[in-house]
C-alpha atoms as a PDB file:
ATOM      1  CA  MET A   1       4.438   5.900  12.280  1.00  0.00           C
ATOM      2  CA  ALA A   2       1.346   6.907  11.375  1.00  0.00           C
ATOM      3  CA  TYR A   3      -0.228   4.626   8.536  1.00  0.00           C
ATOM      4  CA  GLN A   4      -1.886   6.242   5.250  1.00  0.00           C
ATOM      5  CA  GLN A   5      -3.661   3.170   3.965  1.00  0.00           C
ATOM      6  CA  ILE A   6      -3.181  -0.108   5.990  1.00  0.00           C
ATOM      7  CA  THR A   7      -5.071  -0.337   9.717  1.00  0.00           C
ATOM      8  CA  GLN A   8      -3.612  -1.777  12.611  1.00  0.00           C
ATOM      9  CA  ASP A   9      -5.605  -4.827  12.088  1.00  0.00           C
ATOM     10  CA  ASP A  10      -3.729  -5.051   8.594  1.00  0.00           C
ATOM     11  CA  VAL A  11      -0.800  -4.789  10.464  1.00  0.00           C
ATOM     12  CA  ASP A  12      -1.609  -7.011  13.027  1.00  0.00           C
ATOM     13  CA  HIS A  13      -2.290  -9.852  10.395  1.00  0.00           C
ATOM     14  CA  PHE A  14       0.831  -9.294   8.430  1.00  0.00           C
ATOM     15  CA  MET A  15       2.680  -9.560  11.813  1.00  0.00           C
ATOM     16  CA  LYS A  16       1.294 -13.118  12.176  1.00  0.00           C
ATOM     17  CA  HIS A  17       0.402 -14.407   8.823  1.00  0.00           C
ATOM     18  CA  GLY A  18       3.178 -12.384   6.657  1.00  0.00           C
ATOM     19  CA  TRP A  19       0.513 -11.019   3.741  1.00  0.00           C
ATOM     20  CA  ILE A  20      -2.403  -8.672   3.594  1.00  0.00           C
ATOM     21  CA  LYS A  21      -4.938  -8.520   0.912  1.00  0.00           C
ATOM     22  CA  LEU A  22      -6.364  -4.966  -0.551  1.00  0.00           C
ATOM     23  CA  SER A  23      -9.780  -4.670  -2.783  1.00  0.00           C
ATOM     24  CA  ASN A  24     -10.559  -2.478  -5.033  1.00  0.00           C
ATOM     25  CA  CYS A  25      -7.067  -1.127  -6.095  1.00  0.00           C
ATOM     26  CA  PHE A  26      -7.912  -0.860 -10.022  1.00  0.00           C
ATOM     27  CA  THR A  27     -11.084  -1.268 -12.208  1.00  0.00           C
ATOM     28  CA  GLN A  28     -11.747  -3.500 -14.877  1.00  0.00           C
ATOM     29  CA  GLN A  29     -11.808  -0.665 -17.256  1.00  0.00           C
ATOM     30  CA  GLN A  30      -8.243  -0.171 -16.514  1.00  0.00           C
ATOM     31  CA  VAL A  31      -7.427  -4.087 -16.904  1.00  0.00           C
ATOM     32  CA  ASP A  32      -9.376  -3.836 -20.542  1.00  0.00           C
ATOM     33  CA  ASP A  33      -7.520  -0.709 -21.386  1.00  0.00           C
ATOM     34  CA  LEU A  34      -3.954  -2.445 -20.619  1.00  0.00           C
ATOM     35  CA  ALA A  35      -4.206  -6.028 -21.583  1.00  0.00           C
ATOM     36  CA  GLY A  36      -6.897  -5.842 -24.752  1.00  0.00           C
ATOM     37  CA  ASN A  37      -4.689  -7.175 -27.037  1.00  0.00           C
ATOM     38  CA  LEU A  38      -3.493 -10.096 -24.763  1.00  0.00           C
ATOM     39  CA  TRP A  39      -4.866 -13.253 -26.860  1.00  0.00           C
ATOM     40  CA  THR A  40      -2.855 -11.700 -29.856  1.00  0.00           C
ATOM     41  CA  ARG A  41       0.000 -11.229 -27.520  1.00  0.00           C
ATOM     42  CA  LEU A  42      -0.121 -14.947 -26.713  1.00  0.00           C
ATOM     43  CA  GLY A  43      -0.936 -16.059 -30.138  1.00  0.00           C
ATOM     44  CA  MET A  44      -4.082 -18.109 -29.002  1.00  0.00           C
ATOM     45  CA  ASP A  45      -7.248 -18.302 -29.166  1.00  0.00           C
ATOM     46  CA  PRO A  46      -9.666 -17.422 -26.310  1.00  0.00           C
ATOM     47  CA  ASN A  47     -12.593 -19.765 -27.411  1.00  0.00           C
ATOM     48  CA  ASP A  48     -10.603 -22.700 -28.174  1.00  0.00           C
ATOM     49  CA  LYS A  49      -8.378 -24.516 -25.332  1.00  0.00           C
ATOM     50  CA  SER A  50      -6.438 -26.935 -27.638  1.00  0.00           C
ATOM     51  CA  THR A  51      -4.638 -23.492 -28.871  1.00  0.00           C
ATOM     52  CA  TRP A  52      -3.299 -22.969 -24.832  1.00  0.00           C
ATOM     53  CA  HIS A  53      -0.081 -24.627 -25.600  1.00  0.00           C
ATOM     54  CA  SER A  54       1.671 -24.102 -22.346  1.00  0.00           C
ATOM     55  CA  GLU A  55       0.426 -24.650 -18.856  1.00  0.00           C
ATOM     56  CA  ARG A  56       1.658 -20.571 -17.700  1.00  0.00           C
ATOM     57  CA  LEU A  57       3.871 -17.864 -19.415  1.00  0.00           C
ATOM     58  CA  ASN A  58       5.897 -15.155 -18.100  1.00  0.00           C
ATOM     59  CA  LEU A  59       4.973 -12.477 -20.642  1.00  0.00           C
ATOM     60  CA  PRO A  60       7.880  -9.793 -21.346  1.00  0.00           C
ATOM     61  CA  MET A  61       6.954  -5.917 -20.999  1.00  0.00           C
ATOM     62  CA  HIS A  62       5.665  -3.778 -23.579  1.00  0.00           C
ATOM     63  CA  ASN A  63       4.303  -0.854 -21.393  1.00  0.00           C
ATOM     64  CA  GLU A  64       5.215   0.451 -17.971  1.00  0.00           C
ATOM     65  CA  PHE A  65       3.180   2.938 -15.981  1.00  0.00           C
ATOM     66  CA  ASP A  66       3.261   4.548 -12.216  1.00  0.00           C
ATOM     67  CA  ALA A  67       2.042   2.276  -9.959  1.00  0.00           C
ATOM     68  CA  SER A  68       0.621   5.173  -7.564  1.00  0.00           C
ATOM     69  CA  LYS A  69      -1.412   6.812 -10.228  1.00  0.00           C
ATOM     70  CA  PHE A  70      -2.417   2.993 -11.262  1.00  0.00           C
ATOM     71  CA  ALA A  71      -3.589   2.035  -8.125  1.00  0.00           C
ATOM     72  CA  PRO A  72      -2.785   4.246  -5.512  1.00  0.00           C
ATOM     73  CA  LYS A  73      -4.836   2.287  -2.859  1.00  0.00           C
ATOM     74  CA  ALA A  74      -2.222  -0.275  -3.253  1.00  0.00           C
ATOM     75  CA  TRP A  75       0.855   1.836  -3.553  1.00  0.00           C
ATOM     76  CA  THR A  76       0.406   3.856  -0.330  1.00  0.00           C
ATOM     77  CA  ALA A  77      -0.282   0.465   1.625  1.00  0.00           C
ATOM     78  CA  ILE A  78       3.113  -0.680  -0.014  1.00  0.00           C
ATOM     79  CA  CYS A  79       4.848   2.411   1.265  1.00  0.00           C
ATOM     80  CA  ASP A  80       2.951   2.244   4.959  1.00  0.00           C
ATOM     81  CA  LEU A  81       4.682  -1.616   4.975  1.00  0.00           C
ATOM     82  CA  LEU A  82       8.290  -0.372   3.680  1.00  0.00           C
ATOM     83  CA  GLY A  83       7.951   2.527   6.415  1.00  0.00           C
ATOM     84  CA  GLY A  84       7.448   5.693   3.869  1.00  0.00           C
ATOM     85  CA  GLU A  85       7.528   6.302   0.558  1.00  0.00           C
ATOM     86  CA  ASP A  86      10.749   7.948   0.847  1.00  0.00           C
ATOM     87  CA  LYS A  87      12.481   4.383   1.389  1.00  0.00           C
ATOM     88  CA  ILE A  88      11.775   3.037  -1.889  1.00  0.00           C
ATOM     89  CA  ALA A  89      14.047   3.369  -4.961  1.00  0.00           C
ATOM     90  CA  ASP A  90      13.243   5.857  -7.704  1.00  0.00           C
ATOM     91  CA  TYR A  91      14.154   2.974 -10.402  1.00  0.00           C
ATOM     92  CA  ASN A  92      11.106   0.711  -8.909  1.00  0.00           C
ATOM     93  CA  ARG A  93       7.858   2.274  -8.834  1.00  0.00           C
ATOM     94  CA  THR A  94       6.103   1.258 -11.485  1.00  0.00           C
ATOM     95  CA  TRP A  95       3.878  -1.874 -12.843  1.00  0.00           C
ATOM     96  CA  ASN A  96       3.939  -2.925 -16.141  1.00  0.00           C
ATOM     97  CA  ASP A  97       2.778  -5.426 -18.573  1.00  0.00           C
ATOM     98  CA  GLY A  98       4.355  -8.542 -18.342  1.00  0.00           C
ATOM     99  CA  PHE A  99       1.413 -10.473 -17.265  1.00  0.00           C
ATOM    100  CA  ILE A 100       2.013 -13.757 -15.793  1.00  0.00           C
ATOM    101  CA  VAL A 101      -0.357 -16.380 -17.080  1.00  0.00           C
ATOM    102  CA  ASN A 102      -1.944 -19.595 -15.820  1.00  0.00           C
ATOM    103  CA  PHE A 103      -3.924 -21.857 -18.148  1.00  0.00           C
ATOM    104  CA  GLY A 104      -3.716 -25.348 -16.716  1.00  0.00           C
ATOM    105  CA  THR A 105      -3.584 -28.439 -18.432  1.00  0.00           C
ATOM    106  CA  PRO A 106      -5.601 -30.874 -20.152  1.00  0.00           C
ATOM    107  CA  GLU A 107      -3.982 -33.465 -17.778  1.00  0.00           C
ATOM    108  CA  GLY A 108      -4.235 -31.377 -14.912  1.00  0.00           C
ATOM    109  CA  ALA A 109      -7.978 -30.094 -15.236  1.00  0.00           C
ATOM    110  CA  GLY A 110     -10.465 -31.445 -12.176  1.00  0.00           C
ATOM    111  CA  LYS A 111      -7.545 -32.872 -10.602  1.00  0.00           C
ATOM    112  CA  ASP A 112      -6.758 -31.768  -6.898  1.00  0.00           C
ATOM    113  CA  ILE A 113      -2.827 -31.006  -6.294  1.00  0.00           C
ATOM    114  CA  GLY A 114      -1.935 -29.869  -2.914  1.00  0.00           C
ATOM    115  CA  GLY A 115       0.565 -27.412  -1.944  1.00  0.00           C
ATOM    116  CA  ARG A 116       3.047 -29.932  -0.969  1.00  0.00           C
ATOM    117  CA  ASP A 117       3.316 -31.801  -4.157  1.00  0.00           C
ATOM    118  CA  LEU A 118       3.563 -28.538  -6.245  1.00  0.00           C
ATOM    119  CA  LYS A 119       6.824 -28.190  -7.937  1.00  0.00           C
ATOM    120  CA  GLY A 120       7.426 -24.750  -8.439  1.00  0.00           C
ATOM    121  CA  TRP A 121       8.224 -23.373  -4.853  1.00  0.00           C
ATOM    122  CA  HIS A 122      10.614 -20.258  -4.863  1.00  0.00           C
ATOM    123  CA  VAL A 123      11.431 -17.271  -3.364  1.00  0.00           C
ATOM    124  CA  ASP A 124      11.617 -14.064  -5.709  1.00  0.00           C
ATOM    125  CA  GLY A 125      14.452 -12.412  -6.875  1.00  0.00           C
ATOM    126  CA  ASP A 126      16.211 -13.902  -9.634  1.00  0.00           C
ATOM    127  CA  PHE A 127      18.167 -10.965 -10.794  1.00  0.00           C
ATOM    128  CA  PHE A 128      20.323 -10.584  -7.782  1.00  0.00           C
ATOM    129  CA  VAL A 129      22.423 -12.451  -4.817  1.00  0.00           C
ATOM    130  CA  HIS A 130      20.328 -12.578  -1.626  1.00  0.00           C
ATOM    131  CA  TYR A 131      21.415 -11.480   1.766  1.00  0.00           C
ATOM    132  CA  LEU A 132      19.327 -11.167   4.752  1.00  0.00           C
ATOM    133  CA  ASP A 133      18.884  -7.364   4.445  1.00  0.00           C
ATOM    134  CA  SER A 134      18.316  -7.703   0.374  1.00  0.00           C
ATOM    135  CA  PRO A 135      16.943  -4.262  -0.519  1.00  0.00           C
ATOM    136  CA  GLU A 136      16.067  -5.098  -4.467  1.00  0.00           C
ATOM    137  CA  GLN A 137      12.784  -7.456  -2.868  1.00  0.00           C
ATOM    138  CA  GLY A 138      11.097  -5.513  -0.751  1.00  0.00           C
ATOM    139  CA  LEU A 139       7.867  -6.627  -1.059  1.00  0.00           C
ATOM    140  CA  LEU A 140       6.056  -9.457  -3.299  1.00  0.00           C
ATOM    141  CA  VAL A 141       3.152  -7.985  -4.966  1.00  0.00           C
ATOM    142  CA  ILE A 142       0.483  -9.638  -6.948  1.00  0.00           C
ATOM    143  CA  PRO A 143      -2.100  -7.516  -8.585  1.00  0.00           C
ATOM    144  CA  LEU A 144      -5.112  -9.615  -9.950  1.00  0.00           C
ATOM    145  CA  PHE A 145      -5.874  -9.011 -13.315  1.00  0.00           C
ATOM    146  CA  THR A 146      -8.318 -11.646 -13.669  1.00  0.00           C
ATOM    147  CA  ASP A 147     -11.009 -12.989 -11.025  1.00  0.00           C
ATOM    148  CA  ILE A 148      -9.293 -16.091  -9.582  1.00  0.00           C
ATOM    149  CA  GLN A 149     -11.480 -18.936  -8.017  1.00  0.00           C
ATOM    150  CA  PRO A 150     -10.055 -21.308  -5.598  1.00  0.00           C
ATOM    151  CA  GLN A 151      -8.326 -24.001  -7.551  1.00  0.00           C
ATOM    152  CA  ALA A 152      -8.034 -21.994 -10.689  1.00  0.00           C
ATOM    153  CA  GLY A 153      -4.442 -21.405 -10.529  1.00  0.00           C
ATOM    154  CA  GLY A 154      -4.033 -18.581  -7.872  1.00  0.00           C
ATOM    155  CA  THR A 155      -0.602 -18.272  -6.579  1.00  0.00           C
ATOM    156  CA  MET A 156      -0.145 -21.062  -3.472  1.00  0.00           C
ATOM    157  CA  ILE A 157       1.893 -19.272  -0.677  1.00  0.00           C
ATOM    158  CA  CYS A 158       3.108 -21.185   2.212  1.00  0.00           C
ATOM    159  CA  PRO A 159       3.486 -18.353   5.437  1.00  0.00           C
ATOM    160  CA  PRO A 160       5.140 -20.978   7.988  1.00  0.00           C
ATOM    161  CA  ALA A 161       8.003 -20.808   5.688  1.00  0.00           C
ATOM    162  CA  ILE A 162       9.375 -17.481   6.142  1.00  0.00           C
ATOM    163  CA  PRO A 163      11.433 -18.424   9.647  1.00  0.00           C
ATOM    164  CA  LYS A 164      13.044 -20.870   7.512  1.00  0.00           C
ATOM    165  CA  ILE A 165      14.021 -18.845   4.958  1.00  0.00           C
ATOM    166  CA  ALA A 166      14.840 -16.134   7.031  1.00  0.00           C
ATOM    167  CA  ASN A 167      17.202 -18.345   9.244  1.00  0.00           C
ATOM    168  CA  HIS A 168      18.984 -19.650   6.513  1.00  0.00           C
ATOM    169  CA  LEU A 169      20.003 -16.264   5.391  1.00  0.00           C
ATOM    170  CA  TYR A 170      20.891 -15.423   8.504  1.00  0.00           C
ATOM    171  CA  GLN A 171      23.488 -18.181   8.758  1.00  0.00           C
ATOM    172  CA  HIS A 172      25.122 -16.857   5.339  1.00  0.00           C
ATOM    173  CA  PRO A 173      26.211 -13.742   5.326  1.00  0.00           C
ATOM    174  CA  GLU A 174      28.184 -14.501   2.368  1.00  0.00           C
ATOM    175  CA  GLY A 175      25.368 -14.362   0.301  1.00  0.00           C
ATOM    176  CA  VAL A 176      23.165 -17.525  -1.584  1.00  0.00           C
ATOM    177  CA  SER A 177      22.288 -17.583  -4.983  1.00  0.00           C
ATOM    178  CA  PRO A 178      18.389 -17.101  -5.951  1.00  0.00           C
ATOM    179  CA  MET A 179      17.852 -21.109  -5.302  1.00  0.00           C
ATOM    180  CA  MET A 180      19.356 -20.739  -1.714  1.00  0.00           C
ATOM    181  CA  ASP A 181      22.810 -21.914  -2.692  1.00  0.00           C
ATOM    182  CA  PRO A 182      25.424 -20.477  -0.285  1.00  0.00           C
ATOM    183  CA  ARG A 183      28.389 -18.681  -2.188  1.00  0.00           C
ATOM    184  CA  ALA A 184      30.735 -21.344  -1.167  1.00  0.00           C
ATOM    185  CA  GLU A 185      29.357 -24.416  -2.847  1.00  0.00           C
ATOM    186  CA  VAL A 186      28.534 -22.432  -5.974  1.00  0.00           C
ATOM    187  CA  PRO A 187      31.161 -19.452  -5.961  1.00  0.00           C
ATOM    188  CA  ASN A 188      29.937 -17.925  -9.257  1.00  0.00           C
ATOM    189  CA  PHE A 189      26.347 -19.078  -9.030  1.00  0.00           C
ATOM    190  CA  ASP A 190      26.062 -20.649 -12.464  1.00  0.00           C
ATOM    191  CA  ARG A 191      23.577 -23.463 -12.492  1.00  0.00           C
ATOM    192  CA  PRO A 192      20.750 -24.346 -13.944  1.00  0.00           C
ATOM    193  CA  VAL A 193      18.011 -23.959 -12.398  1.00  0.00           C
ATOM    194  CA  ASN A 194      16.913 -26.373  -9.185  1.00  0.00           C
ATOM    195  CA  LEU A 195      13.908 -25.326  -6.683  1.00  0.00           C
ATOM    196  CA  ASP A 196      14.743 -28.764  -4.850  1.00  0.00           C
ATOM    197  CA  PHE A 197      15.571 -26.655  -1.772  1.00  0.00           C
ATOM    198  CA  PHE A 198      12.017 -24.593  -2.121  1.00  0.00           C
ATOM    199  CA  ASN A 199      10.049 -27.429  -3.206  1.00  0.00           C
ATOM    200  CA  ASN A 200      11.529 -29.771  -0.361  1.00  0.00           C
ATOM    201  CA  MET A 201      10.518 -27.350   2.145  1.00  0.00           C
ATOM    202  CA  ALA A 202       7.002 -27.194   1.339  1.00  0.00           C
ATOM    203  CA  LYS A 203       7.055 -31.179   1.497  1.00  0.00           C
ATOM    204  CA  SER A 204       7.787 -31.554   4.973  1.00  0.00           C
ATOM    205  CA  MET A 205       4.821 -28.199   5.626  1.00  0.00           C
ATOM    206  CA  PRO A 206       1.578 -29.658   6.566  1.00  0.00           C
ATOM    207  CA  GLU A 207      -1.431 -29.146   4.290  1.00  0.00           C
ATOM    208  CA  ASP A 208      -2.807 -26.675   6.471  1.00  0.00           C
ATOM    209  CA  ALA A 209       0.139 -24.346   5.757  1.00  0.00           C
ATOM    210  CA  PHE A 210      -0.929 -22.935   2.434  1.00  0.00           C
ATOM    211  CA  VAL A 211      -2.963 -20.233   1.349  1.00  0.00           C
ATOM    212  CA  GLU A 212      -4.335 -20.001  -2.014  1.00  0.00           C
ATOM    213  CA  ALA A 213      -4.102 -16.028  -3.482  1.00  0.00           C
ATOM    214  CA  THR A 214      -7.507 -15.632  -4.854  1.00  0.00           C
ATOM    215  CA  GLY A 215      -9.778 -13.023  -5.313  1.00  0.00           C
ATOM    216  CA  LYS A 216     -11.605 -10.525  -7.908  1.00  0.00           C
ATOM    217  CA  VAL A 217      -9.858  -7.879 -10.619  1.00  0.00           C
ATOM    218  CA  GLY A 218      -8.475  -5.169  -8.670  1.00  0.00           C
ATOM    219  CA  ASP A 219      -7.385  -7.102  -5.715  1.00  0.00           C
ATOM    220  CA  VAL A 220      -3.733  -6.793  -4.977  1.00  0.00           C
ATOM    221  CA  TYR A 221      -1.674  -9.496  -2.573  1.00  0.00           C
ATOM    222  CA  LEU A 222       1.337  -7.703  -0.275  1.00  0.00           C
ATOM    223  CA  LEU A 223       3.401 -10.355   0.932  1.00  0.00           C
ATOM    224  CA  HIS A 224       6.784 -10.334   3.050  1.00  0.00           C
ATOM    225  CA  PRO A 225       9.389 -10.413   0.502  1.00  0.00           C
ATOM    226  CA  LEU A 226      10.697 -13.914   1.742  1.00  0.00           C
ATOM    227  CA  MET A 227       7.377 -15.684   1.166  1.00  0.00           C
ATOM    228  CA  LEU A 228       7.743 -18.817  -0.323  1.00  0.00           C
ATOM    229  CA  HIS A 229       5.159 -19.258  -2.807  1.00  0.00           C
ATOM    230  CA  SER A 230       4.212 -21.167  -6.281  1.00  0.00           C
ATOM    231  CA  HIS A 231       2.229 -21.509  -9.136  1.00  0.00           C
ATOM    232  CA  SER A 232      -0.796 -23.654  -8.249  1.00  0.00           C
ATOM    233  CA  ASN A 233      -2.524 -26.291 -10.595  1.00  0.00           C
ATOM    234  CA  ASN A 234      -5.660 -24.628 -12.604  1.00  0.00           C
ATOM    235  CA  LYS A 235      -8.003 -27.174 -12.191  1.00  0.00           C
ATOM    236  CA  LEU A 236     -11.019 -25.046 -13.861  1.00  0.00           C
ATOM    237  CA  ARG A 237      -8.713 -24.422 -16.541  1.00  0.00           C
ATOM    238  CA  ASN A 238     -10.219 -20.232 -16.196  1.00  0.00           C
ATOM    239  CA  LEU A 239      -7.489 -18.096 -17.631  1.00  0.00           C
ATOM    240  CA  ARG A 240      -5.592 -16.473 -14.679  1.00  0.00           C
ATOM    241  CA  VAL A 241      -4.010 -13.679 -15.070  1.00  0.00           C
ATOM    242  CA  ILE A 242      -1.278 -11.742 -12.620  1.00  0.00           C
ATOM    243  CA  THR A 243       1.593  -9.654 -12.367  1.00  0.00           C
ATOM    244  CA  ASN A 244       4.508  -9.554  -9.908  1.00  0.00           C
ATOM    245  CA  PRO A 245       6.079  -5.886 -10.218  1.00  0.00           C
ATOM    246  CA  PRO A 246       8.992  -5.955  -7.615  1.00  0.00           C
ATOM    247  CA  VAL A 247       9.612  -2.927  -5.199  1.00  0.00           C
ATOM    248  CA  SER A 248      13.451  -2.085  -4.260  1.00  0.00           C
ATOM    249  CA  LEU A 249      14.735  -0.217  -1.427  1.00  0.00           C
ATOM    250  CA  LYS A 250      16.812   2.943  -1.600  1.00  0.00           C
ATOM    251  CA  GLU A 251      19.236   1.126   1.136  1.00  0.00           C
ATOM    252  CA  PRO A 252      19.233  -2.160   2.795  1.00  0.00           C
ATOM    253  CA  PHE A 253      16.792  -3.215   5.473  1.00  0.00           C
ATOM    254  CA  PHE A 254      17.564  -2.426   9.336  1.00  0.00           C
ATOM    255  CA  GLN A 255      19.665   0.710   8.697  1.00  0.00           C
ATOM    256  CA  ASP A 256      17.680   2.502  11.525  1.00  0.00           C
ATOM    257  CA  PRO A 257      16.701   0.245  14.688  1.00  0.00           C
ATOM    258  CA  SER A 258      14.627   3.230  16.578  1.00  0.00           C
ATOM    259  CA  ASN A 259      12.458   2.937  13.196  1.00  0.00           C
ATOM    260  CA  TYR A 260      11.996  -0.574  11.736  1.00  0.00           C
ATOM    261  CA  SER A 261       9.100  -1.228   9.417  1.00  0.00           C
ATOM    262  CA  VAL A 262       6.419  -3.552   9.314  1.00  0.00           C
ATOM    263  CA  VAL A 263       8.173  -5.870   7.122  1.00  0.00           C
ATOM    264  CA  GLU A 264      11.580  -5.312   9.408  1.00  0.00           C
ATOM    265  CA  LYS A 265       9.852  -6.131  12.116  1.00  0.00           C
ATOM    266  CA  LYS A 266       8.304  -9.332  10.905  1.00  0.00           C
ATOM    267  CA  THR A 267      11.842 -10.277   9.844  1.00  0.00           C
ATOM    268  CA  LEU A 268      12.949 -10.002  13.107  1.00  0.00           C
ATOM    269  CA  ALA A 269      10.115 -11.480  14.819  1.00  0.00           C
ATOM    270  CA  GLU A 270      10.396 -14.803  12.913  1.00  0.00           C
ATOM    271  CA  LEU A 271      14.480 -15.026  13.711  1.00  0.00           C
ATOM    272  CA  GLY A 272      13.515 -14.494  17.596  1.00  0.00           C
ATOM    273  CA  LYS A 273      15.372 -11.421  17.263  1.00  0.00           C
ATOM    274  CA  GLU A 274      14.808  -7.521  18.584  1.00  0.00           C
ATOM    275  CA  ASP A 275      17.595  -6.266  16.005  1.00  0.00           C
ATOM    276  CA  LEU A 276      20.323  -7.880  13.914  1.00  0.00           C
ATOM    277  CA  GLY A 277      23.141  -7.265  16.371  1.00  0.00           C
ATOM    278  CA  ASP A 278      26.766  -7.274  14.820  1.00  0.00           C
ATOM    279  CA  TRP A 279      25.524  -9.194  11.597  1.00  0.00           C
ATOM    280  CA  LYS A 280      26.473  -7.973   8.720  1.00  0.00           C
ATOM    281  CA  ILE A 281      27.265  -9.235   5.028  1.00  0.00           C
ATOM    282  CA  THR A 282      30.660 -10.245   4.032  1.00  0.00           C
ATOM    283  CA  GLU A 283      30.316  -9.943   0.052  1.00  0.00           C
ATOM    284  CA  ASN A 284      29.470  -8.068  -2.683  1.00  0.00           C
ATOM    285  CA  ARG A 285      25.804  -7.249  -3.446  1.00  0.00           C
ATOM    286  CA  ASP A 286      26.050  -8.812  -6.540  1.00  0.00           C
ATOM    287  CA  ARG A 287      23.696  -8.435  -9.434  1.00  0.00           C
ATOM    288  CA  LEU A 288      22.751 -11.814 -11.667  1.00  0.00           C
ATOM    289  CA  VAL A 289      21.238 -12.029 -15.060  1.00  0.00           C
ATOM    290  CA  PRO A 290      18.595 -14.295 -14.688  1.00  0.00           C
ATOM    291  CA  ALA A 291      17.875 -16.921 -18.143  1.00  0.00           C
ATOM    292  CA  ARG A 292      14.479 -15.860 -18.503  1.00  0.00           C
ATOM    293  CA  LEU A 293      15.038 -12.242 -20.166  1.00  0.00           C
ATOM    294  CA  LYS A 294      16.277 -14.211 -23.151  1.00  0.00           C
ATOM    295  CA  ARG A 295      13.174 -16.374 -23.474  1.00  0.00           C
ATOM    296  CA  GLN A 296      11.242 -12.915 -23.111  1.00  0.00           C
ATOM    297  CA  GLN A 297      12.731 -11.238 -25.397  1.00  0.00           C
ATOM    298  CA  LYS A 298      12.071 -13.873 -28.173  1.00  0.00           C
ATOM    299  CA  MET A 299       8.585 -13.767 -26.980  1.00  0.00           C
ATOM    300  CA  LYS A 300       8.150 -10.086 -27.287  1.00  0.00           C
ATOM    301  CA  GLU A 301      10.017 -10.105 -31.324  1.00  0.00           C
ATOM    302  CA  GLU A 302       7.002 -12.776 -31.727  1.00  0.00           C
ATOM    303  CA  GLU A 303       4.395 -10.762 -29.884  1.00  0.00           C
ATOM    304  CA  LEU A 304       5.396  -7.735 -32.261  1.00  0.00           C
ATOM    305  CA  LYS A 305       5.249  -9.352 -35.051  1.00  0.00           C
ATOM    306  CA  ARG A 306       1.500 -10.412 -34.622  1.00  0.00           C
ATOM    307  CA  LEU A 307       0.482  -7.234 -33.499  1.00  0.00           C
ATOM    308  CA  GLU A 308       2.308  -5.700 -36.414  1.00  0.00           C
ATOM    309  CA  GLU A 309       0.702  -8.407 -39.239  1.00  0.00           C
ATOM    310  CA  LEU A 310      -3.145  -7.535 -37.719  1.00  0.00           C
ATOM    311  CA  LYS A 311      -1.935  -3.578 -37.970  1.00  0.00           C
ATOM    312  CA  ALA A 312      -0.830  -4.055 -41.602  1.00  0.00           C
ATOM    313  CA  LYS A 313      -4.066  -5.984 -42.684  1.00  0.00           C
ATOM    314  CA  GLY A 314      -5.951  -3.110 -41.398  1.00  0.00           C
ATOM    315  CA  GLN A 315      -7.578  -5.735 -38.567  1.00  0.00           C
ATOM    316  CA  VAL A 316      -8.060  -5.006 -34.811  1.00  0.00           C
ATOM    317  CA  ALA A 317      -6.639  -7.783 -32.339  1.00  0.00           C
ATOM    318  CA  MET A 318      -9.226 -10.527 -31.809  1.00  0.00           C
ATOM    319  CA  ASP A 319      -9.176  -9.421 -28.069  1.00  0.00           C
ATOM    320  CA  ALA A 320     -11.230  -6.321 -28.857  1.00  0.00           C
ATOM    321  CA  GLN A 321     -13.944  -7.306 -31.138  1.00  0.00           C
ATOM    322  CA  PRO A 322     -16.976  -6.394 -29.377  1.00  0.00           C
ATOM    323  CA  GLY A 323     -19.703  -8.888 -28.152  1.00  0.00           C
ATOM    324  CA  GLN A 324     -17.208 -11.772 -27.347  1.00  0.00           C
ATOM    325  CA  GLN A 325     -17.277 -11.767 -23.379  1.00  0.00           C
ATOM    326  CA  GLU A 326     -15.260 -14.565 -23.045  1.00  0.00           C
ATOM    327  CA  THR A 327     -12.075 -13.001 -25.259  1.00  0.00           C
ATOM    328  CA  LYS A 328     -11.960 -10.461 -22.296  1.00  0.00           C
ATOM    329  CA  VAL A 329      -9.291 -10.659 -19.798  1.00  0.00           C
ATOM    330  CA  ALA A 330     -11.427 -11.165 -17.200  1.00  0.00           C
END
């Protein structure tokens, strides 16, 4: 196919490493307009780290917006990697302000913690049963809403794990849980979150297997949907803000052997195959209800209460006060 945004060098990099990075996909002004009330939502003081009570938070969504208008360069590249805009599900073309914030901890400040010792490794998609061809997670997307320096909490990725995840899914056409439990072992997929499968996989990797997603506001990482990744230690304790907007397909992967997308070609290459032959799923494409939704609903109620209290007092969010450079999102 003719690519509208990515280059052949981008394709080659994705085929080798499973990710590409785009720059200048949106502006600081767009971030300020979107996240001007971030600290009020958090209920924290940007100038007092003693109020930063959590290492990281996954905030609930208040607003969503058309990704193709907010970050057209990134959106066009997403379409290129997935085989064209017509392949993307209509219900999943938006990004939102469900920010993922990494503050670091007093204990982790100044400490070097390598990828093998991180404890948050996983593959995205906690809302569905996973198959090799699952359409629910077409790409892993990471827009940067703050500058992220090395060792400042950027997402850590592990490209060499892609073939291991792909082979596990290939061996289990009956489906696995978001934590990679085969259906036969956990029939209803009802068990507490346990990341041992992923953490042990990362532990087995050499230290040079890991890449930290650093960059500037407006950068966007596009990663293979089976990319193993984790939050990292925010050694510098700089505010780090990203999102992970999912991209879903209308149909499962591998429907057209005559016209595979870049993502499909990467998966097949990691399996050492040209096509999937007679491989097919043997059970239903079940949806799951992740526990995080209940947590985020409670957080949203608390955020709205703080915002309403300020509004009732005729005050603006402290994030919007002029002359306070440190209160900006980036």
